[in-house]
């Protein structure tokens, strides 16, 4: 009889990943050796061999970065025995992969490179390119895709427990317990009662329902968690990108909803029926209402969701309205504001006129007994000193836009008194410098420390001081905005200006004659001597609402107490009055000063 042909022997080579997974299962629970062999369709002899081989090469484990590399090293060609036998090839019962469009896909050690045969077209597409973590289980023929955030939550949750060793890992899908609410109407929400608000809060706080879509076996759990932990940085990056995309999605959705409502409200507006005249600019989507000298401008807010109005008044800062969803509401708000400003200005103007009328009808005092002649103010001897007045630009400042494009400057930094002396290249022993308009202003007055008896000599020395200073150079570069020089009569305060550097936008006020100066001084002394509050108001145009009668009386007493023409006993009376009334009239105030014209 012919010899029966021997059945061909099938040689199966198991992947390093498969061997490692089986050995790890055995190490976790050696008593389950038979069950492990049944599930993985291998013999106990083969499991024992793999285990011994793993132990023999355990000292190489920490030289590699992944389980696949460890298993590959254990079964490398450098002496590692191979098992061949008559067994069938084992197909993994589950799989795990990460789909990340930026860097491709990553699969776990036991997962196949090919999708399961039972997948339909839709699930096959999910397996291939659905963003996230793809998990499938062959026996129940289920496939789920979870987000990177959910995967990270699984690692965090099951990393703190050991339940997965016996119960496996559930793959959960979260579903809201109540249906998604309808999109809210784009209206101002009406006030709700406390009971209604409480009821709605309870509904909104309901937890999500959790549906278990599939459960990985305890045997698959170690590799599942190890794989996610190994790719934690990638999952974290994916989760951050998902969060940004979701945030952008909601922003876009809200933008579309509100933009639609905004455009709809704009179409419904009939400008011809408005109480004030409006001009619409379709190119910039703005509405402008001019009520001279003021203006209201309505524009779409920068993100396009709401309307906002800007109110502009000359020499005032811009004022902005609250945000409005309806165009009609913001137009009405703007109209009310403009009309309120107009009424306020009219009332203020009327108040000034009434104040002028009140001042005009006040009784006038007979000044004859108190009249001081200008000649009485003439000194026995006149001396002269050089004087330079200049306005310096700030070294630094910040700006804030006001109405109609005007810029308001603040936080200005000006040179100190010592600093301005150095910049002008003047000898500090020959001059004294003082601030002209206040500590934060750029106005300076510079006086010579020496005086001259001869007017001609004083003028020559003043011109030399002016010519040798650095004012001209500072003026050329814009540091000095304007300046002038002259000689001052020390005893009378009258200044004869000899020359100037002009600022065309802010010219110097034309100086009066010496006769005018002495006449005004004599009248001021007369009004102070007489304590004529009404005459003082009329001459200097001081309104009742800007300075009270008590304040003006205090100014006149101060002036009379230091007058050179008033009798000594009268000066004493004013000093006594100031002492008695200082606490009452000046409590919490700075020392009262007369208007600039009085000095």
Protein backbone atom coordinates (compact mmCIF):
# COMPACT_ATOMS: atom_id res chain seq x y z
CA UNK A 1 0.00 0.00 0.00
CA UNK A 2 1.24 3.38 -0.80
CA UNK A 3 2.23 5.40 2.20
CA UNK A 4 -0.33 7.95 3.37
CA UNK A 5 0.97 11.43 2.90
CA UNK A 6 1.62 13.20 6.18
CA UNK A 7 -0.58 16.18 6.95
CA UNK A 8 1.42 19.33 6.31
CA UNK A 9 2.57 21.09 9.46
CA UNK A 10 1.35 24.67 9.95
CA UNK A 11 3.82 27.04 11.47
CA UNK A 12 2.35 30.06 13.33
CA UNK A 13 4.46 32.97 14.50
CA UNK A 14 2.82 35.05 17.20
CA UNK A 15 3.51 38.74 17.33
CA UNK A 16 5.62 40.10 20.21
CA UNK A 17 2.67 42.25 21.27
CA UNK A 18 0.39 39.21 21.52
CA UNK A 19 2.95 37.26 23.59
CA UNK A 20 3.45 40.18 25.96
CA UNK A 21 -0.28 40.65 26.50
CA UNK A 22 -0.76 36.94 27.33
CA UNK A 23 2.18 36.88 29.74
CA UNK A 24 0.96 40.05 31.49
CA UNK A 25 -2.47 38.46 31.95
CA UNK A 26 -0.82 35.39 33.48
CA UNK A 27 1.38 37.48 35.80
CA UNK A 28 -1.65 39.34 37.10
CA UNK A 29 -3.41 36.08 38.12
CA UNK A 30 -1.41 32.83 37.67
CA UNK A 31 -4.38 30.79 38.96
CA UNK A 32 -6.27 31.66 35.78
CA UNK A 33 -3.68 29.98 33.51
CA UNK A 34 -6.14 27.50 31.97
CA UNK A 35 -8.73 30.24 31.35
CA UNK A 36 -6.08 32.44 29.72
CA UNK A 37 -5.04 29.60 27.39
CA UNK A 38 -8.66 28.95 26.38
CA UNK A 39 -9.40 32.62 25.69
CA UNK A 40 -6.23 33.06 23.64
CA UNK A 41 -6.38 29.58 22.03
CA UNK A 42 -2.90 28.47 23.03
CA UNK A 43 -1.55 25.49 24.97
CA UNK A 44 -0.41 25.59 28.58
CA UNK A 45 3.04 24.39 27.52
CA UNK A 46 3.40 27.38 25.22
CA UNK A 47 2.27 29.80 27.97
CA UNK A 48 4.84 28.28 30.34
CA UNK A 49 7.57 28.70 27.73
CA UNK A 50 6.69 32.37 27.10
CA UNK A 51 6.61 33.05 30.82
CA UNK A 52 10.06 31.52 31.36
CA UNK A 53 11.44 33.44 28.38
CA UNK A 54 9.99 36.70 29.77
CA UNK A 55 11.54 36.13 33.21
CA UNK A 56 14.91 35.28 31.65
CA UNK A 57 15.00 38.62 29.81
CA UNK A 58 13.29 40.80 32.44
CA UNK A 59 16.49 42.78 33.10
CA UNK A 60 16.19 44.31 29.59
CA UNK A 61 12.73 45.80 30.16
CA UNK A 62 13.75 49.25 31.37
CA UNK A 63 15.92 49.90 28.36
CA UNK A 64 12.86 50.30 26.14
CA UNK A 65 10.09 52.83 25.90
CA UNK A 66 7.05 50.77 24.88
CA UNK A 67 5.55 47.34 25.52
CA UNK A 68 6.03 46.47 21.83
CA UNK A 69 9.76 47.14 22.07
CA UNK A 70 10.00 45.02 25.23
CA UNK A 71 8.23 42.09 23.61
CA UNK A 72 10.29 42.48 20.45
CA UNK A 73 13.50 42.37 22.49
CA UNK A 74 12.35 39.31 24.41
CA UNK A 75 11.68 37.45 21.15
CA UNK A 76 14.55 38.91 19.14
CA UNK A 77 16.68 36.94 16.76
CA UNK A 78 19.64 36.98 19.17
CA UNK A 79 19.04 33.50 20.56
CA UNK A 80 15.32 33.63 21.46
CA UNK A 81 13.71 30.23 20.61
CA UNK A 82 10.67 30.17 18.36
CA UNK A 83 7.76 27.85 18.86
CA UNK A 84 6.28 26.10 15.86
CA UNK A 85 3.34 23.80 16.01
CA UNK A 86 0.11 22.67 14.45
CA UNK A 87 -2.22 25.48 15.75
CA UNK A 88 -4.51 28.01 14.13
CA UNK A 89 -3.83 31.72 13.94
CA UNK A 90 -5.61 33.70 16.70
CA UNK A 91 -7.57 36.84 15.79
CA UNK A 92 -7.64 39.53 18.58
CA UNK A 93 -11.09 39.77 20.19
CA UNK A 94 -11.03 43.58 20.67
CA UNK A 95 -9.21 46.66 19.43
CA UNK A 96 -8.21 50.22 20.29
CA UNK A 97 -6.85 53.08 18.18
CA UNK A 98 -6.52 56.87 18.25
CA UNK A 99 -7.52 58.81 15.16
CA UNK A 100 -5.83 62.20 15.05
CA UNK A 101 -5.87 63.89 11.68
CA UNK A 102 -2.69 65.88 12.38
CA UNK A 103 -0.50 62.88 13.08
CA UNK A 104 -2.38 59.89 11.72
CA UNK A 105 -3.57 56.92 13.78
CA UNK A 106 -2.13 54.97 16.70
CA UNK A 107 -3.17 51.40 17.55
CA UNK A 108 -2.72 49.39 20.71
CA UNK A 109 -0.45 46.34 20.88
CA UNK A 110 -3.21 43.77 20.35
CA UNK A 111 -5.17 45.69 17.75
CA UNK A 112 -5.20 44.75 14.09
CA UNK A 113 -4.22 47.12 11.33
CA UNK A 114 -7.35 46.09 9.48
CA UNK A 115 -10.92 46.94 10.52
CA UNK A 116 -13.12 44.07 11.76
CA UNK A 117 -14.99 42.25 8.97
CA UNK A 118 -18.38 42.79 10.59
CA UNK A 119 -18.24 46.62 10.28
CA UNK A 120 -20.77 48.28 8.00
CA UNK A 121 -19.85 51.20 5.70
CA UNK A 122 -20.65 53.88 8.29
CA UNK A 123 -18.81 52.13 11.12
CA UNK A 124 -15.90 51.33 8.81
CA UNK A 125 -15.54 55.06 8.08
CA UNK A 126 -15.61 55.78 11.83
CA UNK A 127 -12.90 53.16 12.40
CA UNK A 128 -10.75 54.76 9.73
CA UNK A 129 -11.09 58.52 10.26
CA UNK A 130 -13.50 59.50 13.07
CA UNK A 131 -11.56 61.86 15.34
CA UNK A 132 -11.07 60.50 18.86
CA UNK A 133 -10.44 57.12 20.50
CA UNK A 134 -11.99 54.19 18.59
CA UNK A 135 -12.87 51.08 20.63
CA UNK A 136 -14.37 47.88 19.22
CA UNK A 137 -15.26 44.46 20.57
CA UNK A 138 -15.67 41.55 18.19
CA UNK A 139 -17.95 39.09 20.06
CA UNK A 140 -20.80 41.60 20.56
CA UNK A 141 -19.83 43.37 17.30
CA UNK A 142 -19.83 46.87 18.82
CA UNK A 143 -17.77 49.94 17.94
CA UNK A 144 -17.68 53.21 19.87
CA UNK A 145 -15.77 56.47 19.44
CA UNK A 146 -15.10 58.56 22.54
CA UNK A 147 -13.51 61.99 22.73
CA UNK A 148 -10.00 62.62 23.94
CA UNK A 149 -11.43 64.28 27.04
CA UNK A 150 -13.47 61.18 27.88
CA UNK A 151 -10.40 59.00 27.39
CA UNK A 152 -8.39 61.14 29.81
CA UNK A 153 -11.22 60.94 32.32
CA UNK A 154 -11.14 57.13 32.09
CA UNK A 155 -7.41 57.08 32.80
CA UNK A 156 -7.88 59.37 35.81
CA UNK A 157 -10.92 57.47 37.15
CA UNK A 158 -9.67 53.89 36.81
CA UNK A 159 -6.13 54.83 37.76
CA UNK A 160 -7.43 55.35 41.32
CA UNK A 161 -9.36 52.05 41.56
CA UNK A 162 -8.85 48.33 40.98
CA UNK A 163 -12.41 47.44 40.03
CA UNK A 164 -11.41 47.05 36.42
CA UNK A 165 -9.36 43.95 37.29
CA UNK A 166 -12.59 42.01 37.90
CA UNK A 167 -15.36 44.10 36.29
CA UNK A 168 -13.63 45.44 33.21
CA UNK A 169 -14.02 49.00 31.89
CA UNK A 170 -17.42 50.33 30.81
CA UNK A 171 -17.55 52.65 27.79
CA UNK A 172 -20.21 55.21 28.67
CA UNK A 173 -22.24 57.57 26.49
CA UNK A 174 -23.65 60.60 28.31
CA UNK A 175 -27.13 61.69 27.24
CA UNK A 176 -29.03 64.69 28.70
CA UNK A 177 -31.89 63.46 30.87
CA UNK A 178 -34.24 66.07 29.37
CA UNK A 179 -34.64 67.14 25.76
CA UNK A 180 -32.59 70.10 24.53
CA UNK A 181 -34.48 73.35 25.24
CA UNK A 182 -35.62 75.50 22.35
CA UNK A 183 -33.45 78.48 21.37
CA UNK A 184 -34.42 81.50 23.52
CA UNK A 185 -36.04 84.52 21.95
CA UNK A 186 -33.69 87.45 21.53
CA UNK A 187 -35.59 89.77 23.86
CA UNK A 188 -34.90 91.31 27.20
CA UNK A 189 -35.90 88.62 29.71
CA UNK A 190 -38.82 89.55 31.90
CA UNK A 191 -38.36 89.32 35.63
CA UNK A 192 -39.38 85.93 36.99
CA UNK A 193 -40.82 85.14 40.38
CA UNK A 194 -38.52 83.43 42.84
CA UNK A 195 -40.57 80.24 42.63
CA UNK A 196 -40.35 80.17 38.83
CA UNK A 197 -36.61 80.84 38.87
CA UNK A 198 -36.09 78.10 41.45
CA UNK A 199 -38.09 75.62 39.36
CA UNK A 200 -36.04 76.40 36.24
CA UNK A 201 -32.78 76.04 38.18
CA UNK A 202 -33.79 72.56 39.36
CA UNK A 203 -34.51 71.55 35.77
CA UNK A 204 -31.17 72.94 34.54
CA UNK A 205 -29.27 71.13 37.32
CA UNK A 206 -30.56 67.68 36.41
CA UNK A 207 -27.70 65.19 35.83
CA UNK A 208 -27.03 63.58 32.49
CA UNK A 209 -28.15 59.99 31.88
CA UNK A 210 -25.28 57.54 31.38
CA UNK A 211 -25.73 54.67 28.95
CA UNK A 212 -23.21 51.84 28.88
CA UNK A 213 -22.57 51.15 25.21
CA UNK A 214 -19.99 48.38 25.70
CA UNK A 215 -17.64 46.96 28.34
CA UNK A 216 -14.05 45.88 27.87
CA UNK A 217 -13.14 42.63 29.63
CA UNK A 218 -10.78 42.55 32.65
CA UNK A 219 -8.21 40.89 30.36
CA UNK A 220 -8.29 43.85 27.97
CA UNK A 221 -8.32 46.52 30.69
CA UNK A 222 -4.55 46.64 31.48
CA UNK A 223 -3.54 47.17 27.87
CA UNK A 224 -6.39 49.67 27.38
CA UNK A 225 -5.30 51.87 30.30
CA UNK A 226 -1.58 51.50 29.51
CA UNK A 227 -2.15 52.55 25.89
CA UNK A 228 -4.14 55.65 26.90
CA UNK A 229 -1.54 56.59 29.51
CA UNK A 230 1.28 56.18 26.97
CA UNK A 231 -0.47 58.62 24.59
CA UNK A 232 -1.66 61.04 27.28
CA UNK A 233 0.15 64.05 25.77
CA UNK A 234 -1.50 63.47 22.39
CA UNK A 235 -4.91 63.04 24.04
CA UNK A 236 -4.36 66.23 26.03
CA UNK A 237 -3.56 68.17 22.87
CA UNK A 238 -6.63 66.75 21.15
CA UNK A 239 -8.82 67.63 24.14
CA UNK A 240 -7.60 71.25 24.13
CA UNK A 241 -8.27 71.53 20.40
CA UNK A 242 -11.74 69.99 20.85
CA UNK A 243 -12.55 72.52 23.58
CA UNK A 244 -11.47 75.44 21.38
CA UNK A 245 -13.46 74.13 18.43
CA UNK A 246 -16.54 73.68 20.60
CA UNK A 247 -16.18 77.17 22.03
CA UNK A 248 -15.82 78.59 18.51
CA UNK A 249 -18.85 76.62 17.38
CA UNK A 250 -21.06 78.15 20.06
CA UNK A 251 -19.68 81.62 19.41
CA UNK A 252 -20.44 81.24 15.72
CA UNK A 253 -23.92 79.93 16.45
CA UNK A 254 -24.73 82.76 18.84
CA UNK A 255 -23.25 85.25 16.40
CA UNK A 256 -25.50 83.95 13.62
CA UNK A 257 -28.59 84.04 15.82
CA UNK A 258 -27.95 87.53 17.17
CA UNK A 259 -26.76 88.89 13.83
CA UNK A 260 -29.96 87.63 12.24
CA UNK A 261 -32.04 89.34 14.89
CA UNK A 262 -29.94 92.51 14.60
CA UNK A 263 -30.29 92.66 10.82
CA UNK A 264 -34.00 91.98 11.11
CA UNK A 265 -34.50 94.83 13.56
CA UNK A 266 -32.55 97.18 11.26
CA UNK A 267 -34.85 96.40 8.32
CA UNK A 268 -37.93 97.20 10.38
CA UNK A 269 -36.77 100.73 11.28
CA UNK A 270 -38.50 103.66 9.56
CA UNK A 271 -36.23 106.66 10.17
CA UNK A 272 -38.81 109.10 8.84
CA UNK A 273 -40.99 108.54 11.89
CA UNK A 274 -38.25 109.25 14.45
CA UNK A 275 -38.47 112.40 16.62
CA UNK A 276 -34.95 113.40 15.54
CA UNK A 277 -33.30 113.28 12.14
CA UNK A 278 -31.03 110.28 11.43
CA UNK A 279 -28.60 109.54 8.60
CA UNK A 280 -27.79 105.91 7.81
CA UNK A 281 -24.44 104.79 6.40
CA UNK A 282 -24.94 101.33 4.91
CA UNK A 283 -21.24 100.80 4.17
CA UNK A 284 -20.24 100.99 7.83
CA UNK A 285 -23.66 100.08 9.23
CA UNK A 286 -23.89 103.19 11.39
CA UNK A 287 -26.70 105.61 12.22
CA UNK A 288 -25.84 109.23 13.02
CA UNK A 289 -28.05 111.83 14.71
CA UNK A 290 -26.78 115.44 14.85
CA UNK A 291 -28.38 117.82 17.32
CA UNK A 292 -25.81 120.64 17.18
CA UNK A 293 -23.46 121.00 18.84
CA UNK A 294 -23.88 117.39 19.99
CA UNK A 295 -24.00 114.07 18.14
CA UNK A 296 -25.15 110.52 18.69
CA UNK A 297 -23.72 107.60 16.68
CA UNK A 298 -25.16 104.09 16.76
CA UNK A 299 -22.97 101.22 15.56
CA UNK A 300 -22.96 97.43 15.71
CA UNK A 301 -20.77 96.24 18.58
CA UNK A 302 -17.36 94.82 17.56
CA UNK A 303 -18.47 91.19 17.63
CA UNK A 304 -21.63 92.05 15.72
CA UNK A 305 -24.03 90.81 18.40
CA UNK A 306 -25.43 94.04 19.85
CA UNK A 307 -26.03 97.72 19.14
CA UNK A 308 -24.34 100.51 21.07
CA UNK A 309 -24.57 104.30 20.96
CA UNK A 310 -21.87 106.92 21.48
CA UNK A 311 -22.78 110.44 22.66
CA UNK A 312 -20.38 113.27 21.81
CA UNK A 313 -20.34 116.80 23.27
CA UNK A 314 -17.72 119.48 22.51
CA UNK A 315 -14.79 119.34 24.96
CA UNK A 316 -16.33 116.38 26.78
CA UNK A 317 -15.43 112.71 26.93
CA UNK A 318 -17.45 110.28 24.85
CA UNK A 319 -20.27 108.50 26.64
CA UNK A 320 -21.44 105.03 25.64
CA UNK A 321 -24.83 103.42 26.04
CA UNK A 322 -25.55 99.96 27.40
CA UNK A 323 -25.75 97.17 24.82
CA UNK A 324 -29.08 96.70 23.00
CA UNK A 325 -30.34 93.85 20.87
CA UNK A 326 -33.04 95.89 19.17
CA UNK A 327 -32.01 98.82 16.99
CA UNK A 328 -35.18 100.72 17.89
CA UNK A 329 -34.25 100.64 21.56
CA UNK A 330 -30.78 102.11 21.07
CA UNK A 331 -32.10 104.81 18.72
CA UNK A 332 -34.69 105.81 21.33
CA UNK A 333 -32.02 105.88 24.06
CA UNK A 334 -29.80 108.13 21.92
CA UNK A 335 -32.62 110.54 21.14
CA UNK A 336 -33.53 110.86 24.82
CA UNK A 337 -29.91 111.56 25.77
CA UNK A 338 -29.43 114.20 23.08
CA UNK A 339 -32.65 116.00 24.00
CA UNK A 340 -31.75 115.84 27.71
CA UNK A 341 -28.33 117.40 27.00
CA UNK A 342 -29.92 120.13 24.92
CA UNK A 343 -32.35 120.97 27.71
CA UNK A 344 -29.55 120.96 30.29
CA UNK A 345 -27.50 123.40 28.20
CA UNK A 346 -30.49 125.67 27.67
CA UNK A 347 -31.21 125.67 31.41
CA UNK A 348 -27.56 126.50 32.17
CA UNK A 349 -27.59 129.36 29.66
CA UNK A 350 -30.81 130.70 31.13
CA UNK A 351 -29.33 130.45 34.62
CA UNK A 352 -26.32 132.53 33.53
CA UNK A 353 -28.60 135.17 32.06
CA UNK A 354 -30.63 135.29 35.26
CA UNK A 355 -27.41 135.61 37.24
CA UNK A 356 -26.35 138.55 35.06
CA UNK A 357 -29.72 140.17 35.52
CA UNK A 358 -29.52 139.62 39.26
CA UNK A 359 -26.08 141.21 39.36
CA UNK A 360 -27.26 144.15 37.25
CA UNK A 361 -30.22 144.96 39.50
CA UNK A 362 -28.25 144.70 42.73
CA UNK A 363 -27.89 148.07 44.49
CA UNK A 364 -24.67 149.93 43.75
CA UNK A 365 -22.56 151.42 46.48
CA UNK A 366 -21.39 155.01 46.44
CA UNK A 367 -17.61 154.63 46.17
CA UNK A 368 -16.83 158.32 46.60
CA UNK A 369 -15.66 158.02 50.23
CA UNK A 370 -13.41 155.10 49.31
CA UNK A 371 -12.08 156.28 45.98
CA UNK A 372 -8.33 155.72 45.55
CA UNK A 373 -6.65 157.67 42.79
CA UNK A 374 -4.05 155.88 40.62
CA UNK A 375 -1.51 158.52 41.53
CA UNK A 376 -1.71 157.36 45.15
CA UNK A 377 -0.26 154.04 44.03
CA UNK A 378 2.77 155.63 42.38
CA UNK A 379 5.93 154.68 44.25
CA UNK A 380 8.56 157.24 45.22
CA UNK A 381 11.18 155.20 43.43
CA UNK A 382 10.88 152.61 40.64
CA UNK A 383 13.27 149.74 40.14
CA UNK A 384 13.29 147.24 37.30
CA UNK A 385 14.08 143.55 36.90
CA UNK A 386 14.19 141.20 33.92
CA UNK A 387 11.28 138.80 33.44
CA UNK A 388 10.86 135.89 31.01
CA UNK A 389 7.61 134.01 30.65
CA UNK A 390 7.53 130.70 28.74
CA UNK A 391 5.39 127.63 28.24
CA UNK A 392 7.29 124.34 27.97
CA UNK A 393 5.90 121.21 26.29
CA UNK A 394 5.54 118.13 28.49
CA UNK A 395 8.40 115.65 28.39
CA UNK A 396 5.85 112.81 28.34
CA UNK A 397 2.09 112.39 28.49
CA UNK A 398 -0.76 110.01 27.77
CA UNK A 399 -3.83 110.71 25.64
CA UNK A 400 -7.48 109.84 25.82
CA UNK A 401 -9.78 110.46 22.88
CA UNK A 402 -12.61 112.89 23.59
CA UNK A 403 -15.62 113.81 21.52
CA UNK A 404 -15.15 114.64 17.84
CA UNK A 405 -11.60 113.28 17.76
CA UNK A 406 -10.14 115.73 20.23
CA UNK A 407 -7.36 114.27 22.38
CA UNK A 408 -7.21 114.87 26.10
CA UNK A 409 -3.70 114.80 27.51
CA UNK A 410 -3.12 113.54 31.02
CA UNK A 411 -0.32 112.31 33.26
CA UNK A 412 1.86 115.09 31.84
CA UNK A 413 5.44 115.30 33.08
CA UNK A 414 7.14 118.72 32.97
CA UNK A 415 10.69 119.78 33.86
CA UNK A 416 11.29 120.77 37.47
CA UNK A 417 12.33 124.31 38.39
CA UNK A 418 15.94 123.17 38.61
CA UNK A 419 15.56 121.26 35.36
CA UNK A 420 14.25 124.24 33.40
CA UNK A 421 17.20 126.35 34.63
CA UNK A 422 19.66 123.83 33.24
CA UNK A 423 17.84 123.51 29.93
CA UNK A 424 17.86 127.28 29.45
CA UNK A 425 21.61 127.38 30.17
CA UNK A 426 21.12 130.15 32.73
CA UNK A 427 23.16 130.83 35.85
CA UNK A 428 21.00 129.85 38.84
CA UNK A 429 22.68 132.58 40.87
CA UNK A 430 21.38 135.26 38.49
CA UNK A 431 17.75 134.11 38.19
CA UNK A 432 14.88 132.68 40.20
CA UNK A 433 12.23 130.46 38.59
CA UNK A 434 8.66 129.84 39.68
CA UNK A 435 5.73 127.93 38.23
CA UNK A 436 3.26 130.20 36.51
CA UNK A 437 -0.01 128.26 36.47
CA UNK A 438 0.50 125.41 38.91
CA UNK A 439 2.67 122.46 39.74
CA UNK A 440 1.34 120.28 36.89
CA UNK A 441 1.48 122.95 34.19
CA UNK A 442 4.29 123.92 31.83
CA UNK A 443 4.21 127.64 32.53
CA UNK A 444 7.29 129.27 34.08
CA UNK A 445 8.20 132.82 35.19
CA UNK A 446 11.91 133.66 35.33
CA UNK A 447 13.10 136.78 37.17
CA UNK A 448 16.54 138.27 37.50
CA UNK A 449 17.85 138.35 41.05
CA UNK A 450 19.26 141.86 40.58
CA UNK A 451 17.33 145.09 39.97
CA UNK A 452 18.21 148.25 38.06
CA UNK A 453 17.31 151.86 38.74
CA UNK A 454 17.65 152.87 35.09
CA UNK A 455 15.03 151.56 32.63
CA UNK A 456 17.38 151.66 29.63
CA UNK A 457 20.06 149.65 31.42
CA UNK A 458 17.45 147.15 32.58
CA UNK A 459 16.28 146.62 28.98
CA UNK A 460 19.84 146.02 27.75
CA UNK A 461 20.57 143.47 30.45
CA UNK A 462 17.24 141.72 29.81
CA UNK A 463 17.98 141.39 26.08
CA UNK A 464 21.40 139.91 26.90
CA UNK A 465 19.77 137.40 29.25
CA UNK A 466 17.26 136.45 26.56
CA UNK A 467 19.83 136.17 23.75
CA UNK A 468 22.26 134.03 25.77
CA UNK A 469 19.61 131.59 26.99
CA UNK A 470 18.78 128.34 25.22
CA UNK A 471 15.17 129.38 24.60
CA UNK A 472 15.55 129.84 20.85
CA UNK A 473 16.96 126.35 20.34
CA UNK A 474 14.27 124.77 22.52
CA UNK A 475 11.63 126.67 20.56
CA UNK A 476 12.99 125.36 17.24
CA UNK A 477 12.76 121.73 18.36
CA UNK A 478 9.28 122.19 19.84
CA UNK A 479 10.22 121.92 23.50
CA UNK A 480 9.27 125.54 24.19
CA UNK A 481 5.87 126.33 22.69
CA UNK A 482 5.98 130.08 23.22
CA UNK A 483 7.99 132.61 25.23
CA UNK A 484 8.37 136.35 25.79
CA UNK A 485 10.65 138.68 27.74
CA UNK A 486 10.48 142.18 29.23
CA UNK A 487 11.15 144.33 32.29
CA UNK A 488 8.91 144.52 35.34
CA UNK A 489 8.43 147.48 37.67
CA UNK A 490 9.08 145.78 40.98
CA UNK A 491 6.93 148.23 42.99
CA UNK A 492 3.84 148.27 40.70
CA UNK A 493 4.04 144.89 38.94
CA UNK A 494 3.62 146.47 35.51
CA UNK A 495 5.56 144.63 32.74
CA UNK A 496 6.82 146.14 29.52
CA UNK A 497 7.22 143.29 27.01
CA UNK A 498 10.17 143.66 24.64
CA UNK A 499 9.95 140.57 22.41
CA UNK A 500 8.35 137.16 22.02
CA UNK A 501 8.35 133.75 20.35
CA UNK A 502 4.77 133.16 19.26
CA UNK A 503 2.45 130.14 19.16
CA UNK A 504 0.04 130.87 16.30
CA UNK A 505 -2.69 128.65 17.78
CA UNK A 506 -2.37 130.28 21.22
CA UNK A 507 -1.16 133.87 20.77
CA UNK A 508 -0.17 136.01 23.73
CA UNK A 509 -2.84 138.32 25.08
CA UNK A 510 -2.25 141.93 24.04
CA UNK A 511 -0.72 143.86 26.94
CA UNK A 512 -2.43 146.99 28.24
CA UNK A 513 -0.78 150.33 28.80
CA UNK A 514 0.72 151.41 32.10
CA UNK A 515 -2.15 153.86 32.59
CA UNK A 516 -4.68 151.04 32.22
CA UNK A 517 -2.69 148.91 34.64
CA UNK A 518 -2.61 151.60 37.31
CA UNK A 519 -6.31 152.46 36.80
CA UNK A 520 -7.37 148.82 37.24
CA UNK A 521 -5.18 148.50 40.30
CA UNK A 522 -6.69 151.66 41.83
CA UNK A 523 -10.24 150.39 41.15
CA UNK A 524 -9.43 147.04 42.78
CA UNK A 525 -8.07 148.82 45.83
CA UNK A 526 -11.20 150.99 45.95
CA UNK A 527 -13.59 148.03 45.80
CA UNK A 528 -11.59 146.27 48.52
CA UNK A 529 -11.59 149.37 50.71
CA UNK A 530 -15.37 149.68 50.33
CA UNK A 531 -15.99 145.90 50.58
CA UNK A 532 -18.26 146.36 47.55
CA UNK A 533 -19.27 142.79 46.67
CA UNK A 534 -21.82 143.81 44.01
CA UNK A 535 -19.46 146.22 42.31
CA UNK A 536 -16.76 143.59 42.36
CA UNK A 537 -19.07 141.10 40.62
CA UNK A 538 -20.08 143.59 37.96
CA UNK A 539 -16.55 144.73 37.15
CA UNK A 540 -14.99 141.26 36.89
CA UNK A 541 -18.04 139.39 35.57
CA UNK A 542 -18.25 136.88 38.42
CA UNK A 543 -21.54 134.96 38.45
CA UNK A 544 -23.42 134.15 41.64
CA UNK A 545 -23.26 130.39 41.03
CA UNK A 546 -19.45 130.44 40.60
CA UNK A 547 -18.59 132.38 43.80
CA UNK A 548 -20.82 133.18 46.75
CA UNK A 549 -21.11 136.57 48.42
CA UNK A 550 -19.34 135.25 51.52
CA UNK A 551 -16.40 134.03 49.46
CA UNK A 552 -16.10 137.36 47.64
CA UNK A 553 -16.28 139.23 50.91
CA UNK A 554 -13.40 137.14 52.23
CA UNK A 555 -11.36 137.96 49.10
CA UNK A 556 -11.98 141.68 49.55
CA UNK A 557 -11.00 141.56 53.23
CA UNK A 558 -7.76 139.78 52.37
CA UNK A 559 -7.02 142.42 49.73
CA UNK A 560 -7.83 145.29 52.09
CA UNK A 561 -5.71 143.82 54.91
CA UNK A 562 -2.54 144.09 52.75
CA UNK A 563 -3.35 147.31 50.90
CA UNK A 564 -0.79 150.12 50.87
CA UNK A 565 -3.43 152.83 50.44
CA UNK A 566 -5.98 151.91 53.11
CA UNK A 567 -5.62 153.45 56.58
CA UNK A 568 -3.98 151.28 59.20
CA UNK A 569 -7.10 151.05 61.37
CA UNK A 570 -9.11 149.77 58.36
CA UNK A 571 -6.50 147.15 57.59
CA UNK A 572 -6.74 146.11 61.22
CA UNK A 573 -10.50 145.68 60.95
CA UNK A 574 -10.07 143.31 57.98
CA UNK A 575 -7.41 141.33 59.82
CA UNK A 576 -9.81 141.00 62.77
CA UNK A 577 -12.66 139.93 60.47
CA UNK A 578 -10.51 137.30 58.79
CA UNK A 579 -9.49 135.95 62.18
CA UNK A 580 -13.12 135.74 63.33
CA UNK A 581 -14.53 134.23 60.12
CA UNK A 582 -11.69 132.05 58.91
CA UNK A 583 -13.15 128.89 60.46
CA UNK A 584 -16.62 129.57 59.06
CA UNK A 585 -15.84 130.73 55.53
CA UNK A 586 -12.79 128.64 54.68
CA UNK A 587 -13.41 125.33 56.44
CA UNK A 588 -12.15 122.50 54.24
CA UNK A 589 -11.19 124.92 51.41
CA UNK A 590 -7.97 126.11 49.91
CA UNK A 591 -7.18 129.73 50.48
CA UNK A 592 -9.53 131.82 48.35
CA UNK A 593 -7.88 133.75 45.55
CA UNK A 594 -9.12 136.55 43.39
CA UNK A 595 -9.49 136.09 39.61
CA UNK A 596 -6.34 136.37 37.51
CA UNK A 597 -7.34 139.85 36.32
CA UNK A 598 -7.21 141.10 39.91
CA UNK A 599 -3.60 140.11 40.54
